[in-house]
PDB file of N, CA and C in Angstrom:
ATOM      1  N   MET A   1       0.798  -1.339  -0.084  1.00  0.00           N
ATOM      2  CA  MET A   1      -0.254  -0.176  -0.336  1.00  0.00           C
ATOM      3  C   MET A   1       1.437   0.902  -0.161  1.00  0.00           C
ATOM      4  N   THR A   2       1.970   0.963   0.540  1.00  0.00           N
ATOM      5  CA  THR A   2       2.617   2.300   0.666  1.00  0.00           C
ATOM      6  C   THR A   2       3.479   2.685  -0.604  1.00  0.00           C
ATOM      7  N   GLN A   3       3.655   1.810  -0.987  1.00  0.00           N
ATOM      8  CA  GLN A   3       4.384   1.768  -2.439  1.00  0.00           C
ATOM      9  C   GLN A   3       3.578   2.928  -3.614  1.00  0.00           C
ATOM     10  N   ASP A   4       1.895   2.870  -3.101  1.00  0.00           N
ATOM     11  CA  ASP A   4       1.261   3.561  -4.092  1.00  0.00           C
ATOM     12  C   ASP A   4       1.081   4.591  -3.955  1.00  0.00           C
ATOM     13  N   TYR A   5       1.791   5.250  -2.404  1.00  0.00           N
ATOM     14  CA  TYR A   5       2.058   6.904  -2.071  1.00  0.00           C
ATOM     15  C   TYR A   5       3.491   6.956  -2.382  1.00  0.00           C
ATOM     16  N   SER A   6       4.704   6.316  -2.764  1.00  0.00           N
ATOM     17  CA  SER A   6       5.570   6.724  -2.225  1.00  0.00           C
ATOM     18  C   SER A   6       6.388   8.119  -3.146  1.00  0.00           C
ATOM     19  N   ASP A   7       5.665   8.828  -3.678  1.00  0.00           N
ATOM     20  CA  ASP A   7       5.949   9.676  -4.562  1.00  0.00           C
ATOM     21  C   ASP A   7       5.801  11.193  -3.862  1.00  0.00           C
ATOM     22  N   ILE A   8       4.736  10.837  -2.934  1.00  0.00           N
ATOM     23  CA  ILE A   8       3.992  12.031  -2.285  1.00  0.00           C
ATOM     24  C   ILE A   8       4.621  12.010  -0.717  1.00  0.00           C
ATOM     25  N   ILE A   9       4.448  10.333  -0.091  1.00  0.00           N
ATOM     26  CA  ILE A   9       4.556   9.979   1.119  1.00  0.00           C
ATOM     27  C   ILE A   9       5.272  11.102   2.280  1.00  0.00           C
ATOM     28  N   ASP A  10       6.969  11.409   2.142  1.00  0.00           N
ATOM     29  CA  ASP A  10       7.227  12.290   2.597  1.00  0.00           C
ATOM     30  C   ASP A  10       7.333  13.404   2.305  1.00  0.00           C
ATOM     31  N   LEU A  11       6.472  14.113   0.898  1.00  0.00           N
ATOM     32  CA  LEU A  11       6.244  15.827   0.920  1.00  0.00           C
ATOM     33  C   LEU A  11       6.401  16.345   2.710  1.00  0.00           C
ATOM     34  N   PRO A  12       6.696  17.955   2.748  1.00  0.00           N
ATOM     35  CA  PRO A  12       6.269  18.700   3.609  1.00  0.00           C
ATOM     36  C   PRO A  12       4.631  18.480   3.706  1.00  0.00           C
ATOM     37  N   TYR A  13       4.151  18.697   5.222  1.00  0.00           N
ATOM     38  CA  TYR A  13       2.805  19.139   4.909  1.00  0.00           C
ATOM     39  C   TYR A  13       2.581  20.601   4.241  1.00  0.00           C
ATOM     40  N   PRO A  14       1.902  20.885   4.222  1.00  0.00           N
ATOM     41  CA  PRO A  14       1.203  22.131   3.331  1.00  0.00           C
ATOM     42  C   PRO A  14       1.510  23.074   3.952  1.00  0.00           C
ATOM     43  N   ARG A  15       0.835  22.690   5.465  1.00  0.00           N
ATOM     44  CA  ARG A  15       0.974  23.922   6.332  1.00  0.00           C
ATOM     45  C   ARG A  15       1.945  24.627   6.354  1.00  0.00           C
ATOM     46  N   ASP A  16       2.960  24.514   6.321  1.00  0.00           N
ATOM     47  CA  ASP A  16       4.345  24.928   6.565  1.00  0.00           C
ATOM     48  C   ASP A  16       5.296  25.861   5.460  1.00  0.00           C
ATOM     49  N   ASP A  17       3.848  25.881   4.087  1.00  0.00           N
ATOM     50  CA  ASP A  17       4.335  26.697   3.229  1.00  0.00           C
ATOM     51  C   ASP A  17       3.770  28.136   3.332  1.00  0.00           C
ATOM     52  N   TRP A  18       4.330  29.062   3.310  1.00  0.00           N
ATOM     53  CA  TRP A  18       3.671  30.483   3.961  1.00  0.00           C
ATOM     54  C   TRP A  18       2.220  31.019   2.933  1.00  0.00           C
ATOM     55  N   ASN A  19       2.536  30.504   1.738  1.00  0.00           N
ATOM     56  CA  ASN A  19       1.602  30.967   0.656  1.00  0.00           C
ATOM     57  C   ASN A  19       0.176  30.517   1.152  1.00  0.00           C
ATOM     58  N   PHE A  20       0.609  28.904   1.172  1.00  0.00           N
ATOM     59  CA  PHE A  20      -1.081  28.095   2.221  1.00  0.00           C
ATOM     60  C   PHE A  20      -1.470  28.632   3.083  1.00  0.00           C
ATOM     61  N   LEU A  21      -0.653  28.843   3.877  1.00  0.00           N
ATOM     62  CA  LEU A  21      -1.329  29.914   5.561  1.00  0.00           C
ATOM     63  C   LEU A  21      -1.732  31.308   5.003  1.00  0.00           C
ATOM     64  N   MET A  22      -1.151  31.868   3.896  1.00  0.00           N
ATOM     65  CA  MET A  22      -2.221  33.160   3.485  1.00  0.00           C
ATOM     66  C   MET A  22      -3.247  32.751   2.856  1.00  0.00           C
ATOM     67  N   LYS A  23      -3.262  31.549   2.034  1.00  0.00           N
ATOM     68  CA  LYS A  23      -4.956  31.353   1.763  1.00  0.00           C
ATOM     69  C   LYS A  23      -5.578  30.689   2.521  1.00  0.00           C
ATOM     70  N   HIS A  24      -5.461  30.167   3.557  1.00  0.00           N
ATOM     71  CA  HIS A  24      -5.988  29.013   4.171  1.00  0.00           C
ATOM     72  C   HIS A  24      -5.638  28.921   5.893  1.00  0.00           C
ATOM     73  N   PRO A  25      -5.900  30.440   6.277  1.00  0.00           N
ATOM     74  CA  PRO A  25      -5.430  30.894   8.221  1.00  0.00           C
ATOM     75  C   PRO A  25      -6.018  29.786   8.987  1.00  0.00           C
ATOM     76  N   ARG A  26      -5.521  29.504   9.800  1.00  0.00           N
ATOM     77  CA  ARG A  26      -5.696  28.390  10.338  1.00  0.00           C
ATOM     78  C   ARG A  26      -6.560  29.182  11.744  1.00  0.00           C
ATOM     79  N   MET A  27      -8.326  28.017  11.712  1.00  0.00           N
ATOM     80  CA  MET A  27      -9.090  28.685  12.505  1.00  0.00           C
ATOM     81  C   MET A  27      -9.024  28.583  13.679  1.00  0.00           C
ATOM     82  N   SER A  28      -9.305  29.509  15.217  1.00  0.00           N
ATOM     83  CA  SER A  28      -9.666  28.702  16.201  1.00  0.00           C
ATOM     84  C   SER A  28     -10.208  27.941  16.488  1.00  0.00           C
ATOM     85  N   MET A  29      -9.888  27.172  17.977  1.00  0.00           N
ATOM     86  CA  MET A  29     -10.754  25.641  18.292  1.00  0.00           C
ATOM     87  C   MET A  29     -12.305  26.442  18.234  1.00  0.00           C
ATOM     88  N   GLU A  30     -12.480  27.384  18.992  1.00  0.00           N
ATOM     89  CA  GLU A  30     -13.919  27.685  19.015  1.00  0.00           C
ATOM     90  C   GLU A  30     -14.754  27.850  17.811  1.00  0.00           C
ATOM     91  N   SER A  31     -13.937  28.721  16.753  1.00  0.00           N
ATOM     92  CA  SER A  31     -14.831  28.533  15.338  1.00  0.00           C
ATOM     93  C   SER A  31     -15.201  27.247  14.453  1.00  0.00           C
ATOM     94  N   ARG A  32     -14.319  26.587  14.832  1.00  0.00           N
ATOM     95  CA  ARG A  32     -14.123  25.103  14.733  1.00  0.00           C
ATOM     96  C   ARG A  32     -15.243  24.422  14.746  1.00  0.00           C
ATOM     97  N   ALA A  33     -15.380  24.646  16.350  1.00  0.00           N
ATOM     98  CA  ALA A  33     -16.500  24.212  17.064  1.00  0.00           C
ATOM     99  C   ALA A  33     -18.092  25.003  16.473  1.00  0.00           C
ATOM    100  N   LYS A  34     -17.710  25.642  16.292  1.00  0.00           N
ATOM    101  CA  LYS A  34     -19.119  26.575  16.205  1.00  0.00           C
ATOM    102  C   LYS A  34     -19.826  25.766  15.104  1.00  0.00           C
ATOM    103  N   ILE A  35     -19.211  25.313  13.842  1.00  0.00           N
ATOM    104  CA  ILE A  35     -19.208  25.069  12.448  1.00  0.00           C
ATOM    105  C   ILE A  35     -20.250  23.662  12.624  1.00  0.00           C
ATOM    106  N   PHE A  36     -19.856  23.010  13.735  1.00  0.00           N
ATOM    107  CA  PHE A  36     -20.143  21.541  13.972  1.00  0.00           C
ATOM    108  C   PHE A  36     -21.486  21.444  15.144  1.00  0.00           C
ATOM    109  N   ALA A  37     -21.273  22.494  15.920  1.00  0.00           N
ATOM    110  CA  ALA A  37     -22.468  22.531  16.726  1.00  0.00           C
ATOM    111  C   ALA A  37     -23.690  22.311  16.356  1.00  0.00           C
ATOM    112  N   PRO A  38     -24.227  23.097  15.356  1.00  0.00           N
ATOM    113  CA  PRO A  38     -25.938  22.969  14.828  1.00  0.00           C
ATOM    114  C   PRO A  38     -26.195  21.648  13.900  1.00  0.00           C
ATOM    115  N   PHE A  39     -25.024  20.966  14.122  1.00  0.00           N
ATOM    116  CA  PHE A  39     -25.647  19.662  13.347  1.00  0.00           C
ATOM    117  C   PHE A  39     -26.155  18.551  13.603  1.00  0.00           C
ATOM    118  N   ALA A  40     -27.154  18.093  13.122  1.00  0.00           N
ATOM    119  CA  ALA A  40     -28.303  17.110  13.291  1.00  0.00           C
ATOM    120  C   ALA A  40     -28.431  16.238  11.967  1.00  0.00           C
ATOM    121  N   ALA A  41     -28.156  14.918  12.488  1.00  0.00           N
ATOM    122  CA  ALA A  41     -27.769  14.365  11.018  1.00  0.00           C
ATOM    123  C   ALA A  41     -29.473  13.946  10.731  1.00  0.00           C
ATOM    124  N   LEU A  42     -29.997  13.413  11.715  1.00  0.00           N
ATOM    125  CA  LEU A  42     -31.171  13.350  11.677  1.00  0.00           C
ATOM    126  C   LEU A  42     -32.562  13.485  12.349  1.00  0.00           C
ATOM    127  N   ARG A  43     -32.781  14.928  11.636  1.00  0.00           N
ATOM    128  CA  ARG A  43     -33.646  16.019  12.204  1.00  0.00           C
ATOM    129  C   ARG A  43     -35.348  15.732  11.770  1.00  0.00           C
ATOM    130  N   GLY A  44     -35.481  15.518  13.585  1.00  0.00           N
ATOM    131  CA  GLY A  44     -36.945  15.176  13.883  1.00  0.00           C
ATOM    132  C   GLY A  44     -36.920  13.937  14.253  1.00  0.00           C
ATOM    133  N   HIS A  45     -35.900  13.132  14.455  1.00  0.00           N
ATOM    134  CA  HIS A  45     -35.919  11.769  14.751  1.00  0.00           C
ATOM    135  C   HIS A  45     -36.598  11.188  15.641  1.00  0.00           C
ATOM    136  N   SER A  46     -35.787  12.244  16.814  1.00  0.00           N
ATOM    137  CA  SER A  46     -36.436  11.834  18.254  1.00  0.00           C
ATOM    138  C   SER A  46     -37.961  12.307  18.475  1.00  0.00           C
ATOM    139  N   THR A  47     -38.251  12.764  17.726  1.00  0.00           N
ATOM    140  CA  THR A  47     -40.177  13.433  17.757  1.00  0.00           C
ATOM    141  C   THR A  47     -40.853  12.476  16.942  1.00  0.00           C
ATOM    142  N   ALA A  48     -40.183  11.546  15.717  1.00  0.00           N
ATOM    143  CA  ALA A  48     -40.607  10.440  15.451  1.00  0.00           C
ATOM    144  C   ALA A  48     -40.901   9.141  16.283  1.00  0.00           C
ATOM    145  N   LEU A  49     -39.829   9.284  17.221  1.00  0.00           N
ATOM    146  CA  LEU A  49     -39.725   8.071  17.733  1.00  0.00           C
ATOM    147  C   LEU A  49     -40.887   8.641  19.089  1.00  0.00           C
ATOM    148  N   ALA A  50     -40.520   9.429  19.734  1.00  0.00           N
ATOM    149  CA  ALA A  50     -41.403   9.809  20.783  1.00  0.00           C
ATOM    150  C   ALA A  50     -43.185   9.477  20.528  1.00  0.00           C
ATOM    151  N   LYS A  51     -43.694   9.873  19.369  1.00  0.00           N
ATOM    152  CA  LYS A  51     -45.097   9.241  18.324  1.00  0.00           C
ATOM    153  C   LYS A  51     -44.902   8.016  18.385  1.00  0.00           C
ATOM    154  N   THR A  52     -44.303   7.438  17.936  1.00  0.00           N
ATOM    155  CA  THR A  52     -44.465   6.433  17.784  1.00  0.00           C
ATOM    156  C   THR A  52     -44.315   5.577  19.272  1.00  0.00           C
ATOM    157  N   ALA A  53     -43.800   5.828  20.372  1.00  0.00           N
ATOM    158  CA  ALA A  53     -44.038   5.422  21.625  1.00  0.00           C
ATOM    159  C   ALA A  53     -45.184   5.745  22.008  1.00  0.00           C
ATOM    160  N   GLU A  54     -45.767   6.551  21.602  1.00  0.00           N
ATOM    161  CA  GLU A  54     -46.869   7.270  22.576  1.00  0.00           C
ATOM    162  C   GLU A  54     -48.492   6.573  21.456  1.00  0.00           C
ATOM    163  N   GLN A  55     -47.920   6.273  20.533  1.00  0.00           N
ATOM    164  CA  GLN A  55     -49.277   5.474  19.845  1.00  0.00           C
ATOM    165  C   GLN A  55     -49.135   3.882  19.915  1.00  0.00           C
ATOM    166  N   LYS A  56     -47.725   3.497  20.350  1.00  0.00           N
ATOM    167  CA  LYS A  56     -47.797   2.257  20.554  1.00  0.00           C
ATOM    168  C   LYS A  56     -48.357   2.072  22.115  1.00  0.00           C
ATOM    169  N   LEU A  57     -48.228   2.651  23.016  1.00  0.00           N
ATOM    170  CA  LEU A  57     -48.779   2.975  24.206  1.00  0.00           C
ATOM    171  C   LEU A  57     -50.095   3.271  24.136  1.00  0.00           C
ATOM    172  N   ASP A  58     -50.647   4.132  23.144  1.00  0.00           N
ATOM    173  CA  ASP A  58     -52.288   3.687  23.036  1.00  0.00           C
ATOM    174  C   ASP A  58     -52.831   2.476  22.740  1.00  0.00           C
ATOM    175  N   ASP A  59     -51.784   2.329  21.843  1.00  0.00           N
ATOM    176  CA  ASP A  59     -52.727   0.872  20.877  1.00  0.00           C
ATOM    177  C   ASP A  59     -52.776  -0.095  22.304  1.00  0.00           C
ATOM    178  N   VAL A  60     -51.320  -0.388  23.403  1.00  0.00           N
ATOM    179  CA  VAL A  60     -51.641  -1.473  24.144  1.00  0.00           C
ATOM    180  C   VAL A  60     -52.709  -1.396  25.157  1.00  0.00           C
ATOM    181  N   ALA A  61     -52.665  -0.190  25.542  1.00  0.00           N
ATOM    182  CA  ALA A  61     -53.837   0.868  26.255  1.00  0.00           C
ATOM    183  C   ALA A  61     -55.483   0.430  25.956  1.00  0.00           C
ATOM    184  N   HIS A  62     -55.219   0.305  24.754  1.00  0.00           N
ATOM    185  CA  HIS A  62     -57.098   0.462  23.958  1.00  0.00           C
ATOM    186  C   HIS A  62     -56.948  -1.894  24.020  1.00  0.00           C
ATOM    187  N   GLU A  63     -55.965  -2.333  23.959  1.00  0.00           N
ATOM    188  CA  GLU A  63     -55.841  -3.992  23.915  1.00  0.00           C
ATOM    189  C   GLU A  63     -56.844  -3.773  25.205  1.00  0.00           C
ATOM    190  N   LEU A  64     -55.770  -3.535  26.086  1.00  0.00           N
ATOM    191  CA  LEU A  64     -56.082  -4.611  27.552  1.00  0.00           C
ATOM    192  C   LEU A  64     -57.736  -3.748  27.901  1.00  0.00           C
ATOM    193  N   MET A  65     -58.391  -2.703  27.343  1.00  0.00           N
ATOM    194  CA  MET A  65     -59.625  -2.584  27.736  1.00  0.00           C
ATOM    195  C   MET A  65     -60.574  -3.253  26.971  1.00  0.00           C
ATOM    196  N   LEU A  66     -59.980  -3.361  26.100  1.00  0.00           N
ATOM    197  CA  LEU A  66     -60.695  -4.580  25.196  1.00  0.00           C
ATOM    198  C   LEU A  66     -60.707  -6.058  25.832  1.00  0.00           C
ATOM    199  N   ASP A  67     -59.617  -6.521  25.957  1.00  0.00           N
ATOM    200  CA  ASP A  67     -59.644  -7.693  27.250  1.00  0.00           C
ATOM    201  C   ASP A  67     -60.449  -7.753  28.213  1.00  0.00           C
ATOM    202  N   ASP A  68     -60.256  -6.696  28.697  1.00  0.00           N
ATOM    203  CA  ASP A  68     -61.190  -6.132  30.301  1.00  0.00           C
ATOM    204  C   ASP A  68     -62.753  -6.637  29.677  1.00  0.00           C
ATOM    205  N   GLN A  69     -62.990  -5.800  29.403  1.00  0.00           N
ATOM    206  CA  GLN A  69     -64.297  -6.032  28.671  1.00  0.00           C
ATOM    207  C   GLN A  69     -64.928  -7.250  28.244  1.00  0.00           C
ATOM    208  N   GLU A  70     -64.171  -7.679  27.109  1.00  0.00           N
ATOM    209  CA  GLU A  70     -64.242  -9.653  26.978  1.00  0.00           C
ATOM    210  C   GLU A  70     -64.278 -10.226  27.577  1.00  0.00           C
ATOM    211  N   PHE A  71     -63.533 -10.501  28.896  1.00  0.00           N
ATOM    212  CA  PHE A  71     -63.661 -11.157  30.067  1.00  0.00           C
ATOM    213  C   PHE A  71     -63.758 -10.753  31.280  1.00  0.00           C
ATOM    214  N   GLY A  72     -64.561  -9.672  30.935  1.00  0.00           N
ATOM    215  CA  GLY A  72     -65.754  -9.093  32.154  1.00  0.00           C
ATOM    216  C   GLY A  72     -64.971  -8.870  33.720  1.00  0.00           C
ATOM    217  N   ALA A  73     -63.158  -8.191  33.505  1.00  0.00           N
ATOM    218  CA  ALA A  73     -62.867  -8.044  34.591  1.00  0.00           C
ATOM    219  C   ALA A  73     -63.204  -6.557  34.943  1.00  0.00           C
TER     220      ALA A  73
END
């Protein structure tokens, strides 16, 4: 695998180059954190789960009521 990249594996890291730093200045840790903070991969997923759980509980409660009526309990 290393043989595939032998021509570039020992090149210096680009940030050592002043031109690279001028075009791409380093970002502060606070700024980096702000980029990723609002990320939600599945927006609305927890709400959908809560609705499904509530519906299942209602279904079970309804079935229990029907069983009580059927067996006279």
